[in-house]
Amino acid sequence: MAKKKFVLRIDESTMKSVEKWAADEFRSINGQLEWIITQGLKQARRHKSDDKDTHAETNPAGTHKNQTQIRKHQ
């Protein structure tokens, strides 16, 4: 999988927290940021591996609901 480069602007306090967390987990800062982003995407059910769980469904009004909204209304 190819990785895309980008610039991230982050406040100093947050960066220090990420650096400490990365060191505690024996990860690089980049690896830690990738892990945090992946976990957030999975939790929000927006990660590629969760695509099968987030198929849109059309409700009677013709608007789309995601699986989370569907489950709440069942």
PDB file of N, CA and C in Angstrom:
ATOM      1  N   MET A   1       0.847  -1.180   0.000  1.00  0.00           N
ATOM      2  CA  MET A   1       0.000   0.000   0.000  1.00  0.00           C
ATOM      3  C   MET A   1       0.889   1.238   0.000  1.00  0.00           C
ATOM      4  N   ALA A   2       0.674   2.122  -0.938  1.00  0.00           N
ATOM      5  CA  ALA A   2       1.435   3.370  -1.007  1.00  0.00           C
ATOM      6  C   ALA A   2       0.944   4.326   0.069  1.00  0.00           C
ATOM      7  N   LYS A   3       1.860   5.071   0.613  1.00  0.00           N
ATOM      8  CA  LYS A   3       1.503   6.033   1.654  1.00  0.00           C
ATOM      9  C   LYS A   3       1.610   7.438   1.089  1.00  0.00           C
ATOM     10  N   LYS A   4       0.634   8.246   1.406  1.00  0.00           N
ATOM     11  CA  LYS A   4       0.580   9.621   0.926  1.00  0.00           C
ATOM     12  C   LYS A   4       1.208  10.539   1.971  1.00  0.00           C
ATOM     13  N   LYS A   5       2.061  11.450   1.528  1.00  0.00           N
ATOM     14  CA  LYS A   5       2.702  12.406   2.422  1.00  0.00           C
ATOM     15  C   LYS A   5       1.825  13.642   2.563  1.00  0.00           C
ATOM     16  N   PHE A   6       1.813  14.220   3.766  1.00  0.00           N
ATOM     17  CA  PHE A   6       1.102  15.469   3.993  1.00  0.00           C
ATOM     18  C   PHE A   6       1.710  16.180   5.193  1.00  0.00           C
ATOM     19  N   VAL A   7       1.442  17.458   5.292  1.00  0.00           N
ATOM     20  CA  VAL A   7       1.951  18.268   6.398  1.00  0.00           C
ATOM     21  C   VAL A   7       0.860  18.351   7.458  1.00  0.00           C
ATOM     22  N   LEU A   8       1.233  18.151   8.695  1.00  0.00           N
ATOM     23  CA  LEU A   8       0.288  18.231   9.810  1.00  0.00           C
ATOM     24  C   LEU A   8       0.721  19.344  10.747  1.00  0.00           C
ATOM     25  N   ARG A   9      -0.143  20.294  10.960  1.00  0.00           N
ATOM     26  CA  ARG A   9       0.129  21.357  11.926  1.00  0.00           C
ATOM     27  C   ARG A   9      -0.574  20.979  13.219  1.00  0.00           C
ATOM     28  N   ILE A  10       0.198  20.916  14.292  1.00  0.00           N
ATOM     29  CA  ILE A  10      -0.336  20.458  15.570  1.00  0.00           C
ATOM     30  C   ILE A  10       0.297  21.289  16.685  1.00  0.00           C
ATOM     31  N   ASP A  11      -0.490  21.611  17.709  1.00  0.00           N
ATOM     32  CA  ASP A  11       0.070  22.441  18.768  1.00  0.00           C
ATOM     33  C   ASP A  11       1.118  21.663  19.567  1.00  0.00           C
ATOM     34  N   GLU A  12       2.019  22.387  20.178  1.00  0.00           N
ATOM     35  CA  GLU A  12       3.173  21.789  20.853  1.00  0.00           C
ATOM     36  C   GLU A  12       2.772  20.826  21.967  1.00  0.00           C
ATOM     37  N   SER A  13       1.776  21.181  22.737  1.00  0.00           N
ATOM     38  CA  SER A  13       1.336  20.327  23.844  1.00  0.00           C
ATOM     39  C   SER A  13       0.812  18.988  23.335  1.00  0.00           C
ATOM     40  N   THR A  14      -0.005  19.026  22.289  1.00  0.00           N
ATOM     41  CA  THR A  14      -0.547  17.797  21.713  1.00  0.00           C
ATOM     42  C   THR A  14       0.578  16.941  21.141  1.00  0.00           C
ATOM     43  N   MET A  15       1.533  17.588  20.474  1.00  0.00           N
ATOM     44  CA  MET A  15       2.652  16.852  19.890  1.00  0.00           C
ATOM     45  C   MET A  15       3.470  16.162  20.973  1.00  0.00           C
ATOM     46  N   LYS A  16       3.708  16.841  22.077  1.00  0.00           N
ATOM     47  CA  LYS A  16       4.450  16.222  23.181  1.00  0.00           C
ATOM     48  C   LYS A  16       3.698  15.008  23.727  1.00  0.00           C
ATOM     49  N   SER A  17       2.385  15.110  23.803  1.00  0.00           N
ATOM     50  CA  SER A  17       1.579  13.980  24.277  1.00  0.00           C
ATOM     51  C   SER A  17       1.678  12.799  23.316  1.00  0.00           C
ATOM     52  N   VAL A  18       1.638  13.082  22.018  1.00  0.00           N
ATOM     53  CA  VAL A  18       1.763  12.015  21.005  1.00  0.00           C
ATOM     54  C   VAL A  18       3.157  11.395  21.075  1.00  0.00           C
ATOM     55  N   GLU A  19       4.186  12.225  21.232  1.00  0.00           N
ATOM     56  CA  GLU A  19       5.559  11.710  21.335  1.00  0.00           C
ATOM     57  C   GLU A  19       5.699  10.776  22.531  1.00  0.00           C
ATOM     58  N   LYS A  20       5.143  11.165  23.668  1.00  0.00           N
ATOM     59  CA  LYS A  20       5.233  10.327  24.883  1.00  0.00           C
ATOM     60  C   LYS A  20       4.474   9.022  24.684  1.00  0.00           C
ATOM     61  N   TRP A  21       3.273   9.125  24.134  1.00  0.00           N
ATOM     62  CA  TRP A  21       2.461   7.934  23.889  1.00  0.00           C
ATOM     63  C   TRP A  21       3.181   6.992  22.933  1.00  0.00           C
ATOM     64  N   ALA A  22       3.768   7.533  21.875  1.00  0.00           N
ATOM     65  CA  ALA A  22       4.510   6.714  20.911  1.00  0.00           C
ATOM     66  C   ALA A  22       5.673   6.003  21.597  1.00  0.00           C
ATOM     67  N   ALA A  23       6.410   6.732  22.421  1.00  0.00           N
ATOM     68  CA  ALA A  23       7.544   6.127  23.144  1.00  0.00           C
ATOM     69  C   ALA A  23       7.053   5.024  24.081  1.00  0.00           C
ATOM     70  N   ASP A  24       5.945   5.260  24.767  1.00  0.00           N
ATOM     71  CA  ASP A  24       5.380   4.259  25.686  1.00  0.00           C
ATOM     72  C   ASP A  24       4.957   2.994  24.950  1.00  0.00           C
ATOM     73  N   GLU A  25       4.536   3.137  23.708  1.00  0.00           N
ATOM     74  CA  GLU A  25       4.054   2.010  22.896  1.00  0.00           C
ATOM     75  C   GLU A  25       5.149   1.440  21.988  1.00  0.00           C
ATOM     76  N   PHE A  26       6.380   1.988  22.092  1.00  0.00           N
ATOM     77  CA  PHE A  26       7.507   1.568  21.255  1.00  0.00           C
ATOM     78  C   PHE A  26       7.201   1.719  19.764  1.00  0.00           C
ATOM     79  N   ARG A  27       6.545   2.841  19.425  1.00  0.00           N
ATOM     80  CA  ARG A  27       6.235   3.155  18.032  1.00  0.00           C
ATOM     81  C   ARG A  27       6.932   4.451  17.650  1.00  0.00           C
ATOM     82  N   SER A  28       7.096   4.652  16.347  1.00  0.00           N
ATOM     83  CA  SER A  28       7.549   5.961  15.862  1.00  0.00           C
ATOM     84  C   SER A  28       6.376   6.923  16.020  1.00  0.00           C
ATOM     85  N   ILE A  29       6.652   8.210  15.960  1.00  0.00           N
ATOM     86  CA  ILE A  29       5.579   9.200  16.040  1.00  0.00           C
ATOM     87  C   ILE A  29       4.638   9.012  14.857  1.00  0.00           C
ATOM     88  N   ASN A  30       5.193   8.802  13.680  1.00  0.00           N
ATOM     89  CA  ASN A  30       4.370   8.580  12.495  1.00  0.00           C
ATOM     90  C   ASN A  30       3.495   7.332  12.676  1.00  0.00           C
ATOM     91  N   GLY A  31       4.088   6.264  13.175  1.00  0.00           N
ATOM     92  CA  GLY A  31       3.341   5.035  13.408  1.00  0.00           C
ATOM     93  C   GLY A  31       2.229   5.239  14.423  1.00  0.00           C
ATOM     94  N   GLN A  32       2.508   6.026  15.450  1.00  0.00           N
ATOM     95  CA  GLN A  32       1.499   6.301  16.468  1.00  0.00           C
ATOM     96  C   GLN A  32       0.347   7.100  15.878  1.00  0.00           C
ATOM     97  N   LEU A  33       0.659   8.109  15.066  1.00  0.00           N
ATOM     98  CA  LEU A  33      -0.391   8.907  14.434  1.00  0.00           C
ATOM     99  C   LEU A  33      -1.236   8.050  13.490  1.00  0.00           C
ATOM    100  N   GLU A  34      -0.595   7.167  12.735  1.00  0.00           N
ATOM    101  CA  GLU A  34      -1.344   6.260  11.860  1.00  0.00           C
ATOM    102  C   GLU A  34      -2.275   5.378  12.684  1.00  0.00           C
ATOM    103  N   TRP A  35      -1.781   4.866  13.806  1.00  0.00           N
ATOM    104  CA  TRP A  35      -2.581   3.996  14.668  1.00  0.00           C
ATOM    105  C   TRP A  35      -3.779   4.761  15.236  1.00  0.00           C
ATOM    106  N   ILE A  36      -3.542   5.985  15.716  1.00  0.00           N
ATOM    107  CA  ILE A  36      -4.619   6.806  16.274  1.00  0.00           C
ATOM    108  C   ILE A  36      -5.687   7.070  15.216  1.00  0.00           C
ATOM    109  N   ILE A  37      -5.266   7.423  14.017  1.00  0.00           N
ATOM    110  CA  ILE A  37      -6.211   7.708  12.932  1.00  0.00           C
ATOM    111  C   ILE A  37      -6.997   6.457  12.567  1.00  0.00           C
ATOM    112  N   THR A  38      -6.305   5.324  12.443  1.00  0.00           N
ATOM    113  CA  THR A  38      -6.975   4.062  12.098  1.00  0.00           C
ATOM    114  C   THR A  38      -7.996   3.681  13.157  1.00  0.00           C
ATOM    115  N   GLN A  39      -7.616   3.806  14.438  1.00  0.00           N
ATOM    116  CA  GLN A  39      -8.553   3.484  15.521  1.00  0.00           C
ATOM    117  C   GLN A  39      -9.775   4.399  15.480  1.00  0.00           C
ATOM    118  N   GLY A  40      -9.562   5.675  15.223  1.00  0.00           N
ATOM    119  CA  GLY A  40     -10.681   6.612  15.119  1.00  0.00           C
ATOM    120  C   GLY A  40     -11.611   6.264  13.971  1.00  0.00           C
ATOM    121  N   LEU A  41     -11.033   5.893  12.829  1.00  0.00           N
ATOM    122  CA  LEU A  41     -11.836   5.505  11.675  1.00  0.00           C
ATOM    123  C   LEU A  41     -12.638   4.232  11.963  1.00  0.00           C
ATOM    124  N   LYS A  42     -12.005   3.271  12.614  1.00  0.00           N
ATOM    125  CA  LYS A  42     -12.715   2.037  12.954  1.00  0.00           C
ATOM    126  C   LYS A  42     -13.848   2.319  13.932  1.00  0.00           C
ATOM    127  N   GLN A  43     -13.588   3.142  14.926  1.00  0.00           N
ATOM    128  CA  GLN A  43     -14.607   3.472  15.925  1.00  0.00           C
ATOM    129  C   GLN A  43     -15.794   4.183  15.272  1.00  0.00           C
ATOM    130  N   ALA A  44     -15.513   5.017  14.291  1.00  0.00           N
ATOM    131  CA  ALA A  44     -16.568   5.736  13.576  1.00  0.00           C
ATOM    132  C   ALA A  44     -17.168   4.895  12.450  1.00  0.00           C
ATOM    133  N   ARG A  45     -16.654   3.679  12.303  1.00  0.00           N
ATOM    134  CA  ARG A  45     -17.101   2.754  11.252  1.00  0.00           C
ATOM    135  C   ARG A  45     -16.915   3.357   9.867  1.00  0.00           C
ATOM    136  N   ARG A  46     -15.764   4.003   9.678  1.00  0.00           N
ATOM    137  CA  ARG A  46     -15.454   4.607   8.387  1.00  0.00           C
ATOM    138  C   ARG A  46     -14.165   4.044   7.809  1.00  0.00           C
ATOM    139  N   HIS A  47     -13.640   2.989   8.401  1.00  0.00           N
ATOM    140  CA  HIS A  47     -12.413   2.364   7.932  1.00  0.00           C
ATOM    141  C   HIS A  47     -12.763   1.405   6.803  1.00  0.00           C
ATOM    142  N   LYS A  48     -11.856   1.240   5.843  1.00  0.00           N
ATOM    143  CA  LYS A  48     -12.107   0.362   4.693  1.00  0.00           C
ATOM    144  C   LYS A  48     -12.602  -1.016   5.107  1.00  0.00           C
ATOM    145  N   SER A  49     -12.025  -1.600   6.135  1.00  0.00           N
ATOM    146  CA  SER A  49     -12.427  -2.944   6.552  1.00  0.00           C
ATOM    147  C   SER A  49     -13.848  -2.960   7.101  1.00  0.00           C
ATOM    148  N   ASP A  50     -14.394  -1.784   7.437  1.00  0.00           N
ATOM    149  CA  ASP A  50     -15.754  -1.699   7.960  1.00  0.00           C
ATOM    150  C   ASP A  50     -16.770  -1.307   6.896  1.00  0.00           C
ATOM    151  N   ASP A  51     -16.333  -1.204   5.616  1.00  0.00           N
ATOM    152  CA  ASP A  51     -17.236  -0.773   4.557  1.00  0.00           C
ATOM    153  C   ASP A  51     -18.497  -1.634   4.482  1.00  0.00           C
ATOM    154  N   LYS A  52     -18.353  -2.921   4.715  1.00  0.00           N
ATOM    155  CA  LYS A  52     -19.512  -3.796   4.621  1.00  0.00           C
ATOM    156  C   LYS A  52     -20.548  -3.475   5.690  1.00  0.00           C
ATOM    157  N   ASP A  53     -20.115  -2.832   6.792  1.00  0.00           N
ATOM    158  CA  ASP A  53     -21.018  -2.488   7.880  1.00  0.00           C
ATOM    159  C   ASP A  53     -21.639  -1.109   7.716  1.00  0.00           C
ATOM    160  N   THR A  54     -21.194  -0.325   6.742  1.00  0.00           N
ATOM    161  CA  THR A  54     -21.663   1.056   6.640  1.00  0.00           C
ATOM    162  C   THR A  54     -22.404   1.327   5.335  1.00  0.00           C
ATOM    163  N   HIS A  55     -22.971   0.290   4.746  1.00  0.00           N
ATOM    164  CA  HIS A  55     -23.730   0.504   3.521  1.00  0.00           C
ATOM    165  C   HIS A  55     -24.911   1.413   3.804  1.00  0.00           C
ATOM    166  N   ALA A  56     -25.137   2.346   2.910  1.00  0.00           N
ATOM    167  CA  ALA A  56     -26.248   3.273   3.086  1.00  0.00           C
ATOM    168  C   ALA A  56     -27.561   2.571   2.744  1.00  0.00           C
ATOM    169  N   GLU A  57     -28.595   2.953   3.423  1.00  0.00           N
ATOM    170  CA  GLU A  57     -29.922   2.419   3.158  1.00  0.00           C
ATOM    171  C   GLU A  57     -30.847   3.613   2.967  1.00  0.00           C
ATOM    172  N   THR A  58     -31.746   3.521   2.011  1.00  0.00           N
ATOM    173  CA  THR A  58     -32.668   4.615   1.768  1.00  0.00           C
ATOM    174  C   THR A  58     -33.906   4.421   2.616  1.00  0.00           C
ATOM    175  N   ASN A  59     -34.315   5.478   3.326  1.00  0.00           N
ATOM    176  CA  ASN A  59     -35.528   5.390   4.128  1.00  0.00           C
ATOM    177  C   ASN A  59     -36.723   5.815   3.271  1.00  0.00           C
ATOM    178  N   PRO A  60     -37.936   5.705   3.762  1.00  0.00           N
ATOM    179  CA  PRO A  60     -39.112   6.032   2.953  1.00  0.00           C
ATOM    180  C   PRO A  60     -39.114   7.461   2.405  1.00  0.00           C
ATOM    181  N   ALA A  61     -38.480   8.401   3.080  1.00  0.00           N
ATOM    182  CA  ALA A  61     -38.452   9.784   2.603  1.00  0.00           C
ATOM    183  C   ALA A  61     -37.447   9.969   1.476  1.00  0.00           C
ATOM    184  N   GLY A  62     -36.650   8.935   1.173  1.00  0.00           N
ATOM    185  CA  GLY A  62     -35.694   9.008   0.090  1.00  0.00           C
ATOM    186  C   GLY A  62     -34.315   9.479   0.524  1.00  0.00           C
ATOM    187  N   THR A  63     -34.119   9.722   1.812  1.00  0.00           N
ATOM    188  CA  THR A  63     -32.808  10.123   2.291  1.00  0.00           C
ATOM    189  C   THR A  63     -32.072   8.890   2.770  1.00  0.00           C
ATOM    190  N   HIS A  64     -30.754   9.019   2.902  1.00  0.00           N
ATOM    191  CA  HIS A  64     -29.940   7.870   3.281  1.00  0.00           C
ATOM    192  C   HIS A  64     -29.661   7.863   4.773  1.00  0.00           C
ATOM    193  N   LYS A  65     -29.606   6.652   5.330  1.00  0.00           N
ATOM    194  CA  LYS A  65     -29.226   6.453   6.719  1.00  0.00           C
ATOM    195  C   LYS A  65     -28.026   5.523   6.739  1.00  0.00           C
ATOM    196  N   ASN A  66     -27.094   5.746   7.661  1.00  0.00           N
ATOM    197  CA  ASN A  66     -26.009   4.774   7.797  1.00  0.00           C
ATOM    198  C   ASN A  66     -26.455   3.682   8.762  1.00  0.00           C
ATOM    199  N   GLN A  67     -25.676   2.630   8.896  1.00  0.00           N
ATOM    200  CA  GLN A  67     -26.037   1.495   9.732  1.00  0.00           C
ATOM    201  C   GLN A  67     -26.264   1.892  11.185  1.00  0.00           C
ATOM    202  N   THR A  68     -25.482   2.834  11.721  1.00  0.00           N
ATOM    203  CA  THR A  68     -25.644   3.269  13.099  1.00  0.00           C
ATOM    204  C   THR A  68     -27.021   3.871  13.290  1.00  0.00           C
ATOM    205  N   GLN A  69     -27.429   4.733  12.376  1.00  0.00           N
ATOM    206  CA  GLN A  69     -28.759   5.338  12.469  1.00  0.00           C
ATOM    207  C   GLN A  69     -29.843   4.283  12.326  1.00  0.00           C
ATOM    208  N   ILE A  70     -29.632   3.306  11.465  1.00  0.00           N
ATOM    209  CA  ILE A  70     -30.611   2.255  11.253  1.00  0.00           C
ATOM    210  C   ILE A  70     -30.784   1.438  12.528  1.00  0.00           C
ATOM    211  N   ARG A  71     -29.657   1.061  13.156  1.00  0.00           N
ATOM    212  CA  ARG A  71     -29.724   0.274  14.378  1.00  0.00           C
ATOM    213  C   ARG A  71     -30.451   1.040  15.497  1.00  0.00           C
ATOM    214  N   LYS A  72     -30.241   2.344  15.591  1.00  0.00           N
ATOM    215  CA  LYS A  72     -30.884   3.154  16.622  1.00  0.00           C
ATOM    216  C   LYS A  72     -32.382   3.177  16.456  1.00  0.00           C
ATOM    217  N   HIS A  73     -32.847   3.051  15.219  1.00  0.00           N
ATOM    218  CA  HIS A  73     -34.278   3.153  14.955  1.00  0.00           C
ATOM    219  C   HIS A  73     -34.971   1.797  14.896  1.00  0.00           C
ATOM    220  N   GLN A  74     -34.253   0.730  15.112  1.00  0.00           N
ATOM    221  CA  GLN A  74     -34.872  -0.601  15.055  1.00  0.00           C
ATOM    222  C   GLN A  74     -35.405  -1.015  16.406  1.00  0.00           C
TER     223      GLN A  74
END
